[in-house]
């Protein structure tokens, strides 16, 4: 239902442009070849987020009863500011960056991207600090009670506080990726995504034994 609504909104939005939805077979055009060239690397990075969550879940499953639930709840807290600030702001700035690059306006491109990076960094830093400080009362108020006892609250709040540090970095990946996309570069984003996954695995393995 949500996917259909999302598609419908975008389809209606195209009525304000010269684009018209219809069938076509212009597969040999330069535009289609460029689309295909840019799409293939981007598709390779799509599984990164699910792989990261799957890896964390597998690690949590070996840490005792309740760890997987704590991870799941903590991810919900962490994703909210990243999506609300990082993803939303980056999506809004993308057409501006694309237009600046197409016009050859390097100074304007850098200025717009710089302002976006600074805005996202500041807002997500505030969100990260707030989440770190308020992790325990937030988890206790929203999740505590019944079978979710004090130990569950403490464990989940610890994971939320740890994930809070990742919020600015995770959010800043969005405008940087959009900046690359605007310049018709999808390859470096893929390389960075796989490098990030490797770092996540390495750091987790290094600390999971001592920090849990």
C-alpha atoms as a PDB file:
ATOM      1  CA  UNK A   1       0.000   0.000   0.000  1.00  0.00           C
ATOM      2  CA  UNK A   2       2.766   2.419   0.964  1.00  0.00           C
ATOM      3  CA  UNK A   3       4.745   1.632  -2.175  1.00  0.00           C
ATOM      4  CA  UNK A   4       1.687   2.230  -4.371  1.00  0.00           C
ATOM      5  CA  UNK A   5       0.994   5.565  -2.661  1.00  0.00           C
ATOM      6  CA  UNK A   6       4.644   6.573  -3.057  1.00  0.00           C
ATOM      7  CA  UNK A   7       4.535   5.724  -6.770  1.00  0.00           C
ATOM      8  CA  UNK A   8       1.244   7.574  -7.235  1.00  0.00           C
ATOM      9  CA  UNK A   9       2.581  10.762  -5.624  1.00  0.00           C
ATOM     10  CA  UNK A  10       5.626  10.729  -7.871  1.00  0.00           C
ATOM     11  CA  UNK A  11       3.533  10.001 -10.959  1.00  0.00           C
ATOM     12  CA  UNK A  12       1.248  12.953 -10.208  1.00  0.00           C
ATOM     13  CA  UNK A  13       4.298  15.144  -9.663  1.00  0.00           C
ATOM     14  CA  UNK A  14       5.565  14.452 -13.171  1.00  0.00           C
ATOM     15  CA  UNK A  15       2.521  16.226 -14.623  1.00  0.00           C
ATOM     16  CA  UNK A  16       4.255  19.508 -13.751  1.00  0.00           C
ATOM     17  CA  UNK A  17       7.141  18.644 -16.052  1.00  0.00           C
ATOM     18  CA  UNK A  18       7.491  17.891 -19.749  1.00  0.00           C
ATOM     19  CA  UNK A  19       7.901  14.191 -18.976  1.00  0.00           C
ATOM     20  CA  UNK A  20       4.985  11.899 -19.821  1.00  0.00           C
ATOM     21  CA  UNK A  21       4.659   8.312 -18.647  1.00  0.00           C
ATOM     22  CA  UNK A  22       4.433   5.812 -21.468  1.00  0.00           C
ATOM     23  CA  UNK A  23       6.036   2.860 -23.172  1.00  0.00           C
ATOM     24  CA  UNK A  24       9.237   3.284 -25.117  1.00  0.00           C
ATOM     25  CA  UNK A  25      12.006   1.273 -26.724  1.00  0.00           C
ATOM     26  CA  UNK A  26      14.892   3.727 -26.969  1.00  0.00           C
ATOM     27  CA  UNK A  27      17.345   1.280 -25.399  1.00  0.00           C
ATOM     28  CA  UNK A  28      20.179   2.216 -27.721  1.00  0.00           C
ATOM     29  CA  UNK A  29      20.220   5.921 -26.900  1.00  0.00           C
ATOM     30  CA  UNK A  30      23.132   7.570 -25.036  1.00  0.00           C
ATOM     31  CA  UNK A  31      20.780   8.502 -22.201  1.00  0.00           C
ATOM     32  CA  UNK A  32      19.730   4.894 -21.637  1.00  0.00           C
ATOM     33  CA  UNK A  33      23.321   3.662 -21.790  1.00  0.00           C
ATOM     34  CA  UNK A  34      24.315   6.252 -19.207  1.00  0.00           C
ATOM     35  CA  UNK A  35      21.383   5.274 -16.998  1.00  0.00           C
ATOM     36  CA  UNK A  36      22.451   1.628 -17.175  1.00  0.00           C
ATOM     37  CA  UNK A  37      26.086   2.517 -16.465  1.00  0.00           C
ATOM     38  CA  UNK A  38      25.133   4.515 -13.380  1.00  0.00           C
ATOM     39  CA  UNK A  39      22.529   2.035 -12.171  1.00  0.00           C
ATOM     40  CA  UNK A  40      24.738  -1.072 -12.027  1.00  0.00           C
ATOM     41  CA  UNK A  41      27.173   0.195  -9.348  1.00  0.00           C
ATOM     42  CA  UNK A  42      24.298   1.659  -7.327  1.00  0.00           C
ATOM     43  CA  UNK A  43      22.530  -1.709  -7.333  1.00  0.00           C
ATOM     44  CA  UNK A  44      25.655  -3.344  -5.902  1.00  0.00           C
ATOM     45  CA  UNK A  45      25.454  -1.174  -2.775  1.00  0.00           C
ATOM     46  CA  UNK A  46      21.740  -1.759  -2.100  1.00  0.00           C
ATOM     47  CA  UNK A  47      22.340  -4.879   0.071  1.00  0.00           C
ATOM     48  CA  UNK A  48      24.809  -3.054   2.350  1.00  0.00           C
ATOM     49  CA  UNK A  49      22.256  -1.845   4.906  1.00  0.00           C
ATOM     50  CA  UNK A  50      20.429  -5.209   5.144  1.00  0.00           C
ATOM     51  CA  UNK A  51      23.795  -6.983   5.411  1.00  0.00           C
ATOM     52  CA  UNK A  52      24.858  -4.660   8.222  1.00  0.00           C
ATOM     53  CA  UNK A  53      21.652  -5.254  10.181  1.00  0.00           C
ATOM     54  CA  UNK A  54      21.900  -9.004   9.549  1.00  0.00           C
ATOM     55  CA  UNK A  55      25.474  -9.041  10.796  1.00  0.00           C
ATOM     56  CA  UNK A  56      24.584  -7.081  13.937  1.00  0.00           C
ATOM     57  CA  UNK A  57      21.660  -9.419  14.549  1.00  0.00           C
ATOM     58  CA  UNK A  58      23.897 -12.475  14.226  1.00  0.00           C
ATOM     59  CA  UNK A  59      26.351 -10.976  16.713  1.00  0.00           C
ATOM     60  CA  UNK A  60      23.561 -10.016  19.115  1.00  0.00           C
ATOM     61  CA  UNK A  61      22.099 -13.520  18.941  1.00  0.00           C
ATOM     62  CA  UNK A  62      25.258 -14.815  20.561  1.00  0.00           C
ATOM     63  CA  UNK A  63      25.219 -12.342  23.440  1.00  0.00           C
ATOM     64  CA  UNK A  64      22.346 -13.731  25.455  1.00  0.00           C
ATOM     65  CA  UNK A  65      18.583 -13.541  25.793  1.00  0.00           C
ATOM     66  CA  UNK A  66      17.123 -10.148  24.940  1.00  0.00           C
ATOM     67  CA  UNK A  67      20.112  -8.884  22.966  1.00  0.00           C
ATOM     68  CA  UNK A  68      18.408  -9.149  19.585  1.00  0.00           C
ATOM     69  CA  UNK A  69      15.387  -7.233  20.867  1.00  0.00           C
ATOM     70  CA  UNK A  70      17.630  -4.544  22.330  1.00  0.00           C
ATOM     71  CA  UNK A  71      19.400  -4.217  18.992  1.00  0.00           C
ATOM     72  CA  UNK A  72      16.124  -3.937  17.096  1.00  0.00           C
ATOM     73  CA  UNK A  73      14.751  -1.249  19.408  1.00  0.00           C
ATOM     74  CA  UNK A  74      18.040   0.665  19.408  1.00  0.00           C
ATOM     75  CA  UNK A  75      18.147   0.712  15.620  1.00  0.00           C
ATOM     76  CA  UNK A  76      14.692   2.306  15.596  1.00  0.00           C
ATOM     77  CA  UNK A  77      15.975   5.155  17.772  1.00  0.00           C
ATOM     78  CA  UNK A  78      19.121   5.586  15.670  1.00  0.00           C
ATOM     79  CA  UNK A  79      17.394   5.523  12.283  1.00  0.00           C
ATOM     80  CA  UNK A  80      14.853   8.246  13.102  1.00  0.00           C
ATOM     81  CA  UNK A  81      17.192  11.296  13.166  1.00  0.00           C
ATOM     82  CA  UNK A  82      19.287   9.884  10.321  1.00  0.00           C
ATOM     83  CA  UNK A  83      16.232   9.552   8.067  1.00  0.00           C
ATOM     84  CA  UNK A  84      14.482  12.699   9.264  1.00  0.00           C
ATOM     85  CA  UNK A  85      17.530  14.940   8.874  1.00  0.00           C
ATOM     86  CA  UNK A  86      20.176  13.258   6.733  1.00  0.00           C
ATOM     87  CA  UNK A  87      18.023  11.560   4.129  1.00  0.00           C
ATOM     88  CA  UNK A  88      15.354  14.277   3.880  1.00  0.00           C
ATOM     89  CA  UNK A  89      17.747  17.212   3.560  1.00  0.00           C
ATOM     90  CA  UNK A  90      19.858  15.349   1.002  1.00  0.00           C
ATOM     91  CA  UNK A  91      16.858  14.436  -1.101  1.00  0.00           C
ATOM     92  CA  UNK A  92      15.775  18.085  -1.142  1.00  0.00           C
ATOM     93  CA  UNK A  93      19.213  19.391  -2.172  1.00  0.00           C
ATOM     94  CA  UNK A  94      19.834  16.822  -4.916  1.00  0.00           C
ATOM     95  CA  UNK A  95      18.061  18.719  -7.760  1.00  0.00           C
ATOM     96  CA  UNK A  96      20.031  21.865  -6.870  1.00  0.00           C
ATOM     97  CA  UNK A  97      23.324  19.975  -6.943  1.00  0.00           C
ATOM     98  CA  UNK A  98      22.412  18.297 -10.233  1.00  0.00           C
ATOM     99  CA  UNK A  99      21.501  21.640 -11.821  1.00  0.00           C
ATOM    100  CA  UNK A 100      24.722  23.272 -10.604  1.00  0.00           C
ATOM    101  CA  UNK A 101      26.824  20.441 -12.018  1.00  0.00           C
ATOM    102  CA  UNK A 102      24.954  20.480 -15.334  1.00  0.00           C
ATOM    103  CA  UNK A 103      25.534  24.241 -15.602  1.00  0.00           C
ATOM    104  CA  UNK A 104      29.231  23.858 -14.825  1.00  0.00           C
ATOM    105  CA  UNK A 105      28.818  25.950 -11.665  1.00  0.00           C
ATOM    106  CA  UNK A 106      31.515  24.376  -9.508  1.00  0.00           C
ATOM    107  CA  UNK A 107      31.505  27.177  -6.930  1.00  0.00           C
ATOM    108  CA  UNK A 108      27.735  26.985  -6.524  1.00  0.00           C
ATOM    109  CA  UNK A 109      27.885  23.199  -6.301  1.00  0.00           C
ATOM    110  CA  UNK A 110      30.494  23.286  -3.524  1.00  0.00           C
ATOM    111  CA  UNK A 111      28.651  26.049  -1.664  1.00  0.00           C
ATOM    112  CA  UNK A 112      25.312  24.215  -1.685  1.00  0.00           C
ATOM    113  CA  UNK A 113      26.886  20.908  -0.704  1.00  0.00           C
ATOM    114  CA  UNK A 114      28.926  22.604   2.027  1.00  0.00           C
ATOM    115  CA  UNK A 115      25.870  24.290   3.537  1.00  0.00           C
ATOM    116  CA  UNK A 116      23.988  21.014   3.452  1.00  0.00           C
ATOM    117  CA  UNK A 117      26.834  19.147   5.142  1.00  0.00           C
ATOM    118  CA  UNK A 118      27.180  21.748   7.892  1.00  0.00           C
ATOM    119  CA  UNK A 119      23.425  21.869   8.531  1.00  0.00           C
ATOM    120  CA  UNK A 120      23.099  18.094   8.723  1.00  0.00           C
ATOM    121  CA  UNK A 121      26.225  17.770  10.878  1.00  0.00           C
ATOM    122  CA  UNK A 122      24.998  20.326  13.410  1.00  0.00           C
ATOM    123  CA  UNK A 123      21.433  19.028  13.632  1.00  0.00           C
ATOM    124  CA  UNK A 124      22.435  15.381  13.885  1.00  0.00           C
ATOM    125  CA  UNK A 125      25.137  16.188  16.444  1.00  0.00           C
ATOM    126  CA  UNK A 126      22.459  17.778  18.633  1.00  0.00           C
ATOM    127  CA  UNK A 127      20.220  14.748  18.061  1.00  0.00           C
ATOM    128  CA  UNK A 128      23.074  12.383  18.938  1.00  0.00           C
ATOM    129  CA  UNK A 129      23.883  14.221  22.161  1.00  0.00           C
ATOM    130  CA  UNK A 130      20.212  14.314  23.119  1.00  0.00           C
ATOM    131  CA  UNK A 131      19.775  10.609  22.429  1.00  0.00           C
ATOM    132  CA  UNK A 132      22.931   9.724  24.353  1.00  0.00           C
ATOM    133  CA  UNK A 133      21.894  11.766  27.400  1.00  0.00           C
ATOM    134  CA  UNK A 134      18.241  10.727  27.349  1.00  0.00           C
ATOM    135  CA  UNK A 135      18.705   7.087  26.298  1.00  0.00           C
ATOM    136  CA  UNK A 136      17.670   5.578  29.618  1.00  0.00           C
ATOM    137  CA  UNK A 137      14.573   7.736  30.307  1.00  0.00           C
ATOM    138  CA  UNK A 138      13.410   7.405  26.693  1.00  0.00           C
ATOM    139  CA  UNK A 139      13.714   3.631  26.672  1.00  0.00           C
ATOM    140  CA  UNK A 140      12.182   3.344  30.122  1.00  0.00           C
ATOM    141  CA  UNK A 141       9.241   5.584  29.255  1.00  0.00           C
ATOM    142  CA  UNK A 142       8.494   4.156  25.813  1.00  0.00           C
ATOM    143  CA  UNK A 143       9.390   0.498  26.270  1.00  0.00           C
ATOM    144  CA  UNK A 144       9.650  -0.250  29.978  1.00  0.00           C
ATOM    145  CA  UNK A 145       7.002  -2.217  31.811  1.00  0.00           C
ATOM    146  CA  UNK A 146       5.574  -5.710  31.858  1.00  0.00           C
ATOM    147  CA  UNK A 147       8.068  -8.304  30.667  1.00  0.00           C
ATOM    148  CA  UNK A 148      10.435  -5.550  29.511  1.00  0.00           C
ATOM    149  CA  UNK A 149      12.059  -5.207  32.926  1.00  0.00           C
ATOM    150  CA  UNK A 150      14.819  -2.988  34.352  1.00  0.00           C
ATOM    151  CA  UNK A 151      17.566  -5.217  32.942  1.00  0.00           C
ATOM    152  CA  UNK A 152      16.058  -4.971  29.464  1.00  0.00           C
ATOM    153  CA  UNK A 153      15.802  -1.188  29.803  1.00  0.00           C
ATOM    154  CA  UNK A 154      19.427  -0.924  30.930  1.00  0.00           C
ATOM    155  CA  UNK A 155      20.732  -3.125  28.120  1.00  0.00           C
ATOM    156  CA  UNK A 156      18.687  -1.404  25.415  1.00  0.00           C
ATOM    157  CA  UNK A 157      19.606   2.070  26.672  1.00  0.00           C
ATOM    158  CA  UNK A 158      23.288   1.119  26.526  1.00  0.00           C
ATOM    159  CA  UNK A 159      22.935   0.064  22.894  1.00  0.00           C
ATOM    160  CA  UNK A 160      20.979   3.238  22.078  1.00  0.00           C
ATOM    161  CA  UNK A 161      23.710   5.358  23.678  1.00  0.00           C
ATOM    162  CA  UNK A 162      26.392   3.520  21.712  1.00  0.00           C
ATOM    163  CA  UNK A 163      24.508   3.912  18.430  1.00  0.00           C
ATOM    164  CA  UNK A 164      24.018   7.631  19.134  1.00  0.00           C
ATOM    165  CA  UNK A 165      27.661   8.224  18.194  1.00  0.00           C
ATOM    166  CA  UNK A 166      26.981   6.919  14.686  1.00  0.00           C
ATOM    167  CA  UNK A 167      24.116   9.302  13.919  1.00  0.00           C
ATOM    168  CA  UNK A 168      26.109  12.257  12.471  1.00  0.00           C
ATOM    169  CA  UNK A 169      28.379   9.979  10.447  1.00  0.00           C
ATOM    170  CA  UNK A 170      25.525   7.889   9.122  1.00  0.00           C
ATOM    171  CA  UNK A 171      23.523  10.997   8.242  1.00  0.00           C
ATOM    172  CA  UNK A 172      26.443  12.702   6.476  1.00  0.00           C
ATOM    173  CA  UNK A 173      26.774   9.728   4.142  1.00  0.00           C
ATOM    174  CA  UNK A 174      23.524  10.842   2.489  1.00  0.00           C
ATOM    175  CA  UNK A 175      24.568  14.315   1.242  1.00  0.00           C
ATOM    176  CA  UNK A 176      27.989  13.006   0.237  1.00  0.00           C
ATOM    177  CA  UNK A 177      26.351  10.230  -1.779  1.00  0.00           C
ATOM    178  CA  UNK A 178      23.942  12.691  -3.377  1.00  0.00           C
ATOM    179  CA  UNK A 179      26.887  14.925  -4.244  1.00  0.00           C
ATOM    180  CA  UNK A 180      28.537  12.037  -6.064  1.00  0.00           C
ATOM    181  CA  UNK A 181      25.291  11.082  -7.811  1.00  0.00           C
ATOM    182  CA  UNK A 182      24.853  14.662  -9.013  1.00  0.00           C
ATOM    183  CA  UNK A 183      28.225  14.417 -10.766  1.00  0.00           C
ATOM    184  CA  UNK A 184      27.188  11.112 -12.404  1.00  0.00           C
ATOM    185  CA  UNK A 185      29.543   9.130 -10.186  1.00  0.00           C
ATOM    186  CA  UNK A 186      28.000   6.074  -8.533  1.00  0.00           C
ATOM    187  CA  UNK A 187      31.127   3.929  -8.282  1.00  0.00           C
ATOM    188  CA  UNK A 188      32.869   5.687  -5.401  1.00  0.00           C
ATOM    189  CA  UNK A 189      29.730   5.511  -3.281  1.00  0.00           C
ATOM    190  CA  UNK A 190      29.711   1.740  -3.723  1.00  0.00           C
ATOM    191  CA  UNK A 191      33.387   1.460  -2.792  1.00  0.00           C
ATOM    192  CA  UNK A 192      32.770   3.597   0.292  1.00  0.00           C
ATOM    193  CA  UNK A 193      29.757   1.468   1.277  1.00  0.00           C
ATOM    194  CA  UNK A 194      31.729  -1.767   1.161  1.00  0.00           C
ATOM    195  CA  UNK A 195      34.626  -0.141   3.001  1.00  0.00           C
ATOM    196  CA  UNK A 196      32.189   1.003   5.679  1.00  0.00           C
ATOM    197  CA  UNK A 197      30.807  -2.514   6.054  1.00  0.00           C
ATOM    198  CA  UNK A 198      34.345  -3.866   6.453  1.00  0.00           C
ATOM    199  CA  UNK A 199      35.051  -1.307   9.182  1.00  0.00           C
ATOM    200  CA  UNK A 200      31.797  -2.187  10.960  1.00  0.00           C
ATOM    201  CA  UNK A 201      32.720  -5.880  11.009  1.00  0.00           C
ATOM    202  CA  UNK A 202      36.307  -5.234  12.113  1.00  0.00           C
ATOM    203  CA  UNK A 203      35.371  -2.849  14.927  1.00  0.00           C
ATOM    204  CA  UNK A 204      32.519  -5.054  16.136  1.00  0.00           C
ATOM    205  CA  UNK A 205      34.761  -8.111  16.291  1.00  0.00           C
ATOM    206  CA  UNK A 206      37.394  -6.126  18.153  1.00  0.00           C
ATOM    207  CA  UNK A 207      35.002  -4.835  20.834  1.00  0.00           C
ATOM    208  CA  UNK A 208      32.216  -7.394  21.154  1.00  0.00           C
ATOM    209  CA  UNK A 209      34.238  -9.586  23.488  1.00  0.00           C
ATOM    210  CA  UNK A 210      35.102  -6.815  25.948  1.00  0.00           C
ATOM    211  CA  UNK A 211      32.185  -4.396  25.539  1.00  0.00           C
ATOM    212  CA  UNK A 212      29.341  -6.778  24.720  1.00  0.00           C
END
